[in-house]
Amino acid sequence: MLSRKGFTLIELLIVIAIILILIAIALPNFLNAQIRARATKATAELRSIGTALEAYYLDWGVYPGENESTWSEQSANEHGLKRLTTPISYITSIPEDPFPAKLNANYDVGELRVYYGGG
């Protein structure tokens, strides 16, 4: 009598199919959890930025960049949130967008400027 040790091809295919079905069920839930986590992180960071802006306003009487005549000629890093990190640290670092744009990461825009149009 032959003693068989091992699995047949059909048994292996059935196990692989079951594993793939479980992955197909779990993957969308995992991706949704990532999106919810990023949204929660963005909400918390916006709340901390708001708190830092209010603390800055209480100390200086204006919001960062509000009274600068050359505001429209400065780059985005020269005003705004950077003022909340120096000389007094209202926030430890400027948070990054948890939903980064995935357009063309190699596109060179030169020096990005912010312009303010009064109305």
N, C-alpha and C. Protein backbone atom coordinates (compact mmCIF):
# COMPACT_ATOMS: atom_id res chain seq x y z
N MET A 1 0.83 -1.17 0.00
CA MET A 1 0.00 0.00 0.00
C MET A 1 0.89 1.25 0.00
N LEU A 2 0.50 2.21 -0.81
CA LEU A 2 1.25 3.47 -0.93
C LEU A 2 0.88 4.42 0.20
N SER A 3 1.86 4.97 0.81
CA SER A 3 1.64 5.97 1.85
C SER A 3 1.90 7.35 1.25
N ARG A 4 0.86 8.18 1.20
CA ARG A 4 1.00 9.52 0.61
C ARG A 4 1.31 10.52 1.69
N LYS A 5 2.36 11.28 1.46
CA LYS A 5 2.70 12.39 2.35
C LYS A 5 2.72 13.64 1.50
N GLY A 6 1.93 14.62 1.87
CA GLY A 6 1.89 15.86 1.12
C GLY A 6 0.46 16.18 0.69
N PHE A 7 0.35 17.26 -0.08
CA PHE A 7 -0.94 17.74 -0.52
C PHE A 7 -1.06 17.58 -2.03
N THR A 8 -2.27 17.42 -2.49
CA THR A 8 -2.49 17.35 -3.93
C THR A 8 -2.55 18.76 -4.49
N LEU A 9 -2.48 18.87 -5.78
CA LEU A 9 -2.54 20.17 -6.44
C LEU A 9 -3.87 20.86 -6.17
N ILE A 10 -4.95 20.13 -6.17
CA ILE A 10 -6.27 20.70 -5.92
C ILE A 10 -6.34 21.28 -4.51
N GLU A 11 -5.82 20.57 -3.54
CA GLU A 11 -5.83 21.07 -2.16
C GLU A 11 -5.03 22.36 -2.04
N LEU A 12 -3.89 22.43 -2.68
CA LEU A 12 -3.09 23.66 -2.64
C LEU A 12 -3.82 24.81 -3.32
N LEU A 13 -4.46 24.56 -4.45
CA LEU A 13 -5.20 25.62 -5.15
C LEU A 13 -6.37 26.12 -4.31
N ILE A 14 -7.03 25.23 -3.60
CA ILE A 14 -8.15 25.64 -2.75
C ILE A 14 -7.65 26.53 -1.60
N VAL A 15 -6.54 26.15 -0.99
CA VAL A 15 -5.98 26.97 0.10
C VAL A 15 -5.55 28.33 -0.42
N ILE A 16 -4.91 28.38 -1.58
CA ILE A 16 -4.50 29.66 -2.18
C ILE A 16 -5.72 30.51 -2.50
N ALA A 17 -6.78 29.91 -3.02
CA ALA A 17 -8.00 30.65 -3.34
C ALA A 17 -8.62 31.24 -2.08
N ILE A 18 -8.64 30.48 -1.00
CA ILE A 18 -9.20 30.98 0.27
C ILE A 18 -8.37 32.15 0.79
N ILE A 19 -7.06 32.04 0.71
CA ILE A 19 -6.19 33.13 1.16
C ILE A 19 -6.42 34.38 0.32
N LEU A 20 -6.55 34.23 -0.98
CA LEU A 20 -6.79 35.39 -1.86
C LEU A 20 -8.15 36.03 -1.57
N ILE A 21 -9.15 35.23 -1.27
CA ILE A 21 -10.47 35.78 -0.94
C ILE A 21 -10.39 36.58 0.36
N LEU A 22 -9.68 36.06 1.35
CA LEU A 22 -9.52 36.79 2.62
C LEU A 22 -8.77 38.10 2.42
N ILE A 23 -7.75 38.09 1.57
CA ILE A 23 -7.01 39.32 1.26
C ILE A 23 -7.91 40.32 0.56
N ALA A 24 -8.73 39.84 -0.38
CA ALA A 24 -9.64 40.74 -1.10
C ALA A 24 -10.66 41.37 -0.16
N ILE A 25 -11.04 40.67 0.88
CA ILE A 25 -11.99 41.22 1.85
C ILE A 25 -11.30 42.22 2.77
N ALA A 26 -10.08 41.91 3.20
CA ALA A 26 -9.39 42.74 4.20
C ALA A 26 -8.75 43.99 3.61
N LEU A 27 -8.30 43.96 2.37
CA LEU A 27 -7.55 45.08 1.79
C LEU A 27 -8.34 46.39 1.75
N PRO A 28 -9.60 46.40 1.27
CA PRO A 28 -10.34 47.68 1.29
C PRO A 28 -10.52 48.25 2.69
N ASN A 29 -10.73 47.38 3.67
CA ASN A 29 -10.86 47.86 5.05
C ASN A 29 -9.56 48.48 5.54
N PHE A 30 -8.46 47.90 5.17
CA PHE A 30 -7.15 48.44 5.54
C PHE A 30 -6.93 49.80 4.90
N LEU A 31 -7.27 49.94 3.61
CA LEU A 31 -7.08 51.22 2.93
C LEU A 31 -7.99 52.30 3.52
N ASN A 32 -9.22 51.94 3.87
CA ASN A 32 -10.11 52.91 4.51
C ASN A 32 -9.58 53.33 5.87
N ALA A 33 -8.98 52.41 6.59
CA ALA A 33 -8.41 52.75 7.89
C ALA A 33 -7.25 53.73 7.73
N GLN A 34 -6.46 53.57 6.68
CA GLN A 34 -5.36 54.51 6.42
C GLN A 34 -5.91 55.90 6.13
N ILE A 35 -6.96 55.99 5.33
CA ILE A 35 -7.54 57.29 5.00
C ILE A 35 -8.12 57.94 6.25
N ARG A 36 -8.81 57.17 7.08
CA ARG A 36 -9.35 57.73 8.33
C ARG A 36 -8.24 58.20 9.25
N ALA A 37 -7.14 57.46 9.30
CA ALA A 37 -6.02 57.86 10.15
C ALA A 37 -5.39 59.16 9.64
N ARG A 38 -5.26 59.29 8.33
CA ARG A 38 -4.70 60.53 7.77
C ARG A 38 -5.63 61.71 8.03
N ALA A 39 -6.94 61.49 7.90
CA ALA A 39 -7.89 62.57 8.16
C ALA A 39 -7.84 62.99 9.63
N THR A 40 -7.72 62.04 10.53
CA THR A 40 -7.60 62.35 11.95
C THR A 40 -6.32 63.12 12.23
N LYS A 41 -5.23 62.73 11.59
CA LYS A 41 -3.96 63.43 11.76
C LYS A 41 -4.07 64.87 11.25
N ALA A 42 -4.70 65.05 10.09
CA ALA A 42 -4.86 66.40 9.54
C ALA A 42 -5.71 67.26 10.47
N THR A 43 -6.77 66.70 11.02
CA THR A 43 -7.62 67.44 11.95
C THR A 43 -6.84 67.87 13.18
N ALA A 44 -6.06 66.97 13.74
CA ALA A 44 -5.27 67.29 14.93
C ALA A 44 -4.22 68.36 14.63
N GLU A 45 -3.57 68.26 13.46
CA GLU A 45 -2.56 69.26 13.11
C GLU A 45 -3.19 70.62 12.86
N LEU A 46 -4.35 70.66 12.22
CA LEU A 46 -5.03 71.95 12.02
C LEU A 46 -5.45 72.56 13.35
N ARG A 47 -5.87 71.72 14.28
CA ARG A 47 -6.24 72.22 15.61
C ARG A 47 -5.02 72.81 16.31
N SER A 48 -3.86 72.14 16.20
CA SER A 48 -2.66 72.66 16.85
C SER A 48 -2.17 73.94 16.17
N ILE A 49 -2.33 74.04 14.84
CA ILE A 49 -1.97 75.28 14.14
C ILE A 49 -2.88 76.41 14.59
N GLY A 50 -4.17 76.13 14.74
CA GLY A 50 -5.11 77.15 15.21
C GLY A 50 -4.77 77.63 16.61
N THR A 51 -4.41 76.71 17.48
CA THR A 51 -4.01 77.07 18.84
C THR A 51 -2.74 77.91 18.82
N ALA A 52 -1.78 77.52 17.98
CA ALA A 52 -0.53 78.28 17.88
C ALA A 52 -0.77 79.67 17.32
N LEU A 53 -1.67 79.80 16.34
CA LEU A 53 -1.99 81.12 15.78
C LEU A 53 -2.63 82.02 16.83
N GLU A 54 -3.51 81.46 17.63
CA GLU A 54 -4.15 82.25 18.68
C GLU A 54 -3.14 82.66 19.75
N ALA A 55 -2.22 81.77 20.10
CA ALA A 55 -1.18 82.13 21.08
C ALA A 55 -0.28 83.22 20.52
N TYR A 56 0.07 83.13 19.24
CA TYR A 56 0.88 84.16 18.58
C TYR A 56 0.14 85.49 18.61
N TYR A 57 -1.15 85.46 18.31
CA TYR A 57 -1.95 86.68 18.31
C TYR A 57 -2.01 87.30 19.71
N LEU A 58 -2.14 86.47 20.74
CA LEU A 58 -2.18 87.00 22.10
C LEU A 58 -0.86 87.64 22.49
N ASP A 59 0.26 87.09 22.01
CA ASP A 59 1.57 87.66 22.33
C ASP A 59 1.89 88.91 21.53
N TRP A 60 1.55 88.94 20.25
CA TRP A 60 1.99 90.01 19.36
C TRP A 60 0.88 90.96 18.91
N GLY A 61 -0.37 90.59 19.11
CA GLY A 61 -1.48 91.46 18.73
C GLY A 61 -1.85 91.40 17.25
N VAL A 62 -1.14 90.64 16.48
CA VAL A 62 -1.43 90.44 15.05
C VAL A 62 -1.16 88.97 14.72
N TYR A 63 -1.72 88.55 13.61
CA TYR A 63 -1.41 87.20 13.12
C TYR A 63 -0.13 87.25 12.30
N PRO A 64 0.57 86.14 12.15
CA PRO A 64 1.84 86.14 11.41
C PRO A 64 1.67 86.66 9.98
N GLY A 65 2.51 87.62 9.62
CA GLY A 65 2.49 88.15 8.26
C GLY A 65 1.42 89.17 7.98
N GLU A 66 0.62 89.53 8.98
CA GLU A 66 -0.52 90.41 8.76
C GLU A 66 -0.12 91.85 8.46
N ASN A 67 0.92 92.36 9.11
CA ASN A 67 1.30 93.76 8.94
C ASN A 67 2.50 93.96 8.03
N GLU A 68 2.88 92.97 7.27
CA GLU A 68 4.06 93.11 6.43
C GLU A 68 3.67 93.66 5.07
N SER A 69 4.34 94.74 4.67
CA SER A 69 4.01 95.36 3.39
C SER A 69 4.52 94.54 2.22
N THR A 70 5.56 93.74 2.44
CA THR A 70 6.12 92.94 1.35
C THR A 70 5.60 91.51 1.37
N TRP A 71 4.46 91.29 2.00
CA TRP A 71 3.93 89.95 2.17
C TRP A 71 3.74 89.26 0.83
N SER A 72 3.25 89.98 -0.17
CA SER A 72 2.96 89.35 -1.45
C SER A 72 4.22 88.99 -2.22
N GLU A 73 5.37 89.55 -1.82
CA GLU A 73 6.60 89.27 -2.54
C GLU A 73 7.44 88.19 -1.86
N GLN A 74 7.00 87.69 -0.74
CA GLN A 74 7.78 86.69 -0.02
C GLN A 74 7.40 85.29 -0.48
N SER A 75 8.37 84.38 -0.38
CA SER A 75 8.05 83.00 -0.70
C SER A 75 7.23 82.41 0.44
N ALA A 76 6.62 81.28 0.18
CA ALA A 76 5.72 80.67 1.16
C ALA A 76 6.43 80.31 2.46
N ASN A 77 7.72 80.03 2.43
CA ASN A 77 8.45 79.65 3.64
C ASN A 77 8.91 80.85 4.45
N GLU A 78 8.81 82.06 3.92
CA GLU A 78 9.31 83.23 4.62
C GLU A 78 8.28 83.88 5.53
N HIS A 79 7.07 83.44 5.48
CA HIS A 79 6.04 84.02 6.34
C HIS A 79 5.06 82.93 6.75
N GLY A 80 4.05 83.31 7.46
CA GLY A 80 3.02 82.36 7.83
C GLY A 80 3.46 81.40 8.91
N LEU A 81 3.41 80.12 8.62
CA LEU A 81 3.66 79.11 9.65
C LEU A 81 5.09 79.11 10.17
N LYS A 82 6.04 79.55 9.35
CA LYS A 82 7.43 79.56 9.83
C LYS A 82 7.58 80.51 11.01
N ARG A 83 6.76 81.55 11.06
CA ARG A 83 6.80 82.49 12.19
C ARG A 83 6.36 81.84 13.49
N LEU A 84 5.64 80.73 13.38
CA LEU A 84 5.18 80.05 14.59
C LEU A 84 6.26 79.16 15.20
N THR A 85 7.37 78.97 14.49
CA THR A 85 8.44 78.12 15.01
C THR A 85 9.62 78.91 15.54
N THR A 86 9.79 80.17 15.09
CA THR A 86 10.91 81.00 15.56
C THR A 86 10.42 82.42 15.76
N PRO A 87 10.92 83.24 16.62
CA PRO A 87 11.90 82.97 17.67
C PRO A 87 11.29 82.22 18.84
N ILE A 88 9.98 82.34 19.02
CA ILE A 88 9.29 81.61 20.08
C ILE A 88 8.61 80.42 19.43
N SER A 89 8.77 79.26 20.00
CA SER A 89 8.23 78.04 19.39
C SER A 89 6.79 77.82 19.84
N TYR A 90 5.85 78.26 19.00
CA TYR A 90 4.43 78.00 19.27
C TYR A 90 4.07 76.58 18.82
N ILE A 91 4.71 76.11 17.76
CA ILE A 91 4.62 74.72 17.33
C ILE A 91 6.05 74.24 17.08
N THR A 92 6.29 72.95 17.28
CA THR A 92 7.66 72.44 17.16
C THR A 92 8.13 72.38 15.71
N SER A 93 7.24 72.05 14.80
CA SER A 93 7.61 71.99 13.39
C SER A 93 6.37 72.23 12.54
N ILE A 94 6.59 72.63 11.31
CA ILE A 94 5.48 72.86 10.39
C ILE A 94 5.01 71.50 9.89
N PRO A 95 3.74 71.16 10.12
CA PRO A 95 3.26 69.84 9.69
C PRO A 95 3.18 69.74 8.17
N GLU A 96 3.34 68.51 7.69
CA GLU A 96 3.23 68.25 6.26
C GLU A 96 1.84 67.72 5.95
N ASP A 97 1.42 67.91 4.72
CA ASP A 97 0.12 67.44 4.28
C ASP A 97 0.08 65.91 4.30
N PRO A 98 -0.86 65.31 5.06
CA PRO A 98 -0.94 63.86 5.07
C PRO A 98 -1.53 63.29 3.79
N PHE A 99 -2.09 64.14 2.94
CA PHE A 99 -2.62 63.73 1.64
C PHE A 99 -1.83 64.41 0.54
N PRO A 100 -0.57 64.03 0.34
CA PRO A 100 0.25 64.72 -0.66
C PRO A 100 -0.28 64.49 -2.07
N ALA A 101 -0.17 65.53 -2.89
CA ALA A 101 -0.60 65.41 -4.28
C ALA A 101 0.38 64.52 -5.03
N LYS A 102 -0.13 63.60 -5.79
CA LYS A 102 0.72 62.68 -6.53
C LYS A 102 0.69 63.04 -8.01
N LEU A 103 1.03 64.28 -8.30
CA LEU A 103 1.03 64.71 -9.69
C LEU A 103 2.36 64.36 -10.32
N ASN A 104 3.18 65.34 -10.55
CA ASN A 104 4.49 65.10 -11.14
C ASN A 104 5.53 65.59 -10.15
N ALA A 105 6.13 64.67 -9.43
CA ALA A 105 7.06 65.04 -8.37
C ALA A 105 8.35 65.65 -8.91
N ASN A 106 8.66 65.46 -10.17
CA ASN A 106 9.90 65.97 -10.74
C ASN A 106 9.71 67.30 -11.47
N TYR A 107 8.55 67.88 -11.37
CA TYR A 107 8.26 69.13 -12.08
C TYR A 107 8.93 70.28 -11.36
N ASP A 108 9.73 71.05 -12.05
CA ASP A 108 10.46 72.17 -11.45
C ASP A 108 9.65 73.44 -11.64
N VAL A 109 9.24 74.06 -10.52
CA VAL A 109 8.47 75.30 -10.59
C VAL A 109 9.31 76.51 -10.27
N GLY A 110 10.60 76.31 -10.09
CA GLY A 110 11.46 77.44 -9.74
C GLY A 110 11.18 77.85 -8.31
N GLU A 111 11.03 79.14 -8.08
CA GLU A 111 10.73 79.62 -6.74
C GLU A 111 9.25 79.96 -6.67
N LEU A 112 8.56 79.27 -5.82
CA LEU A 112 7.12 79.46 -5.66
C LEU A 112 6.88 80.74 -4.87
N ARG A 113 6.03 81.58 -5.38
CA ARG A 113 5.68 82.83 -4.70
C ARG A 113 4.20 82.83 -4.36
N VAL A 114 3.86 83.52 -3.30
CA VAL A 114 2.49 83.68 -2.89
C VAL A 114 2.08 85.11 -3.17
N TYR A 115 0.96 85.29 -3.84
CA TYR A 115 0.49 86.64 -4.16
C TYR A 115 -0.86 86.86 -3.50
N TYR A 116 -1.02 88.05 -2.98
CA TYR A 116 -2.25 88.40 -2.31
C TYR A 116 -2.94 89.47 -3.14
N GLY A 117 -4.16 89.19 -3.53
CA GLY A 117 -4.92 90.17 -4.30
C GLY A 117 -5.95 90.84 -3.41
N GLY A 118 -5.75 92.10 -3.13
CA GLY A 118 -6.69 92.83 -2.29
C GLY A 118 -7.95 93.17 -3.08
N GLY A 119 -9.02 93.33 -2.36
CA GLY A 119 -10.25 93.55 -3.08
C GLY A 119 -11.05 94.69 -2.60
